[in-house]
Amino acid sequence: MNRLKELREDRDILQKEIAKSLGITQRNYSYLETGCTALTEDILKKLANLYHTSIDYILYQTDKREPYPPSLLKEEENKKEEISLP
């Protein structure tokens, strides 16, 4: 089963309700859920916030549903700042 569909059905939410929260049509959300349309960074962020999970969970990069703690996110941001390209 698709992660987006799983997250939505676990909460007994209709596609049109999620679509409204995202500011898109139900049809467009359906395309996202079925993989016919690629997820954008903006949509991923909104979905992660809406479902209280991580983008990594939505993208099958982890099986942990919980969002990352803020302290871990800050560590990652600091690591990115330390890396400098010539």
Protein backbone atom coordinates (compact mmCIF):
# COMPACT_ATOMS: atom_id res chain seq x y z
CA MET A 1 0.00 0.00 0.00
CA ASN A 2 1.11 3.53 -0.73
CA ARG A 3 2.35 5.48 2.32
CA LEU A 4 0.18 8.51 1.58
CA LYS A 5 -2.90 6.35 1.27
CA GLU A 6 -1.95 4.46 4.44
CA LEU A 7 -1.48 7.68 6.41
CA ARG A 8 -4.76 9.11 5.13
CA GLU A 9 -6.81 5.97 5.73
CA ASP A 10 -5.36 5.46 9.21
CA ARG A 11 -6.93 8.81 10.11
CA ASP A 12 -10.20 8.17 8.23
CA ILE A 13 -9.69 11.26 6.08
CA LEU A 14 -11.03 11.64 2.55
CA GLN A 15 -8.78 12.61 -0.35
CA LYS A 16 -10.79 15.79 -0.88
CA GLU A 17 -10.10 16.87 2.73
CA ILE A 18 -6.34 16.42 2.31
CA ALA A 19 -6.46 18.14 -1.08
CA LYS A 20 -8.24 21.13 0.44
CA SER A 21 -5.56 21.39 3.15
CA LEU A 22 -2.88 21.35 0.45
CA GLY A 23 -4.68 23.83 -1.78
CA ILE A 24 -5.06 21.39 -4.68
CA THR A 25 -7.92 19.47 -6.25
CA GLN A 26 -8.96 16.01 -5.13
CA ARG A 27 -7.94 14.69 -8.55
CA ASN A 28 -4.44 16.14 -8.18
CA TYR A 29 -4.13 14.61 -4.72
CA SER A 30 -5.26 11.28 -6.13
CA TYR A 31 -2.48 11.51 -8.72
CA LEU A 32 0.03 12.18 -5.93
CA GLU A 33 -1.25 9.25 -3.90
CA THR A 34 -1.07 6.84 -6.84
CA GLY A 35 2.33 8.06 -7.99
CA CYS A 36 1.07 9.45 -11.31
CA THR A 37 2.37 12.88 -10.27
CA ALA A 38 5.70 13.44 -8.54
CA LEU A 39 5.72 14.91 -5.05
CA THR A 40 7.24 18.37 -4.88
CA GLU A 41 9.31 19.62 -1.97
CA ASP A 42 6.52 22.00 -0.95
CA ILE A 43 3.86 19.26 -1.00
CA LEU A 44 6.14 16.87 0.92
CA LYS A 45 6.68 19.43 3.66
CA LYS A 46 2.96 20.11 3.93
CA LEU A 47 2.12 16.39 4.03
CA ALA A 48 4.76 15.68 6.68
CA ASN A 49 3.36 18.48 8.85
CA LEU A 50 -0.22 17.42 8.22
CA TYR A 51 0.44 13.77 9.10
CA HIS A 52 2.94 14.57 11.88
CA THR A 53 5.62 12.42 10.31
CA SER A 54 8.88 12.87 8.44
CA ILE A 55 9.43 13.30 4.74
CA ASP A 56 11.72 10.27 4.97
CA TYR A 57 8.80 8.15 6.17
CA ILE A 58 6.62 9.31 3.27
CA LEU A 59 9.45 8.50 0.82
CA TYR A 60 10.16 5.03 2.35
CA GLN A 61 13.59 6.11 3.65
CA THR A 62 12.63 4.97 7.16
CA ASP A 63 9.93 2.92 8.81
CA LYS A 64 9.71 5.24 11.83
CA ARG A 65 6.49 7.24 11.62
CA GLU A 66 7.41 9.82 14.23
CA PRO A 67 8.75 13.15 13.00
CA TYR A 68 12.35 13.93 13.73
CA PRO A 69 12.93 15.78 17.00
CA PRO A 70 13.85 19.47 16.57
CA SER A 71 17.30 18.89 18.09
CA LEU A 72 18.15 16.34 15.40
CA LEU A 73 16.98 18.70 12.68
CA LYS A 74 19.23 21.46 14.03
CA GLU A 75 22.20 19.07 14.04
CA GLU A 76 21.56 18.24 10.39
CA GLU A 77 21.31 21.93 9.46
CA ASN A 78 24.60 22.63 11.24
CA LYS A 79 26.31 19.79 9.38
CA LYS A 80 25.09 21.20 6.06
CA GLU A 81 26.46 24.63 6.97
CA GLU A 82 29.85 23.12 7.83
CA ILE A 83 30.16 21.54 4.40
CA SER A 84 31.42 24.11 1.95
CA LEU A 85 31.98 23.65 -1.72
CA PRO A 86 34.90 25.29 -3.48
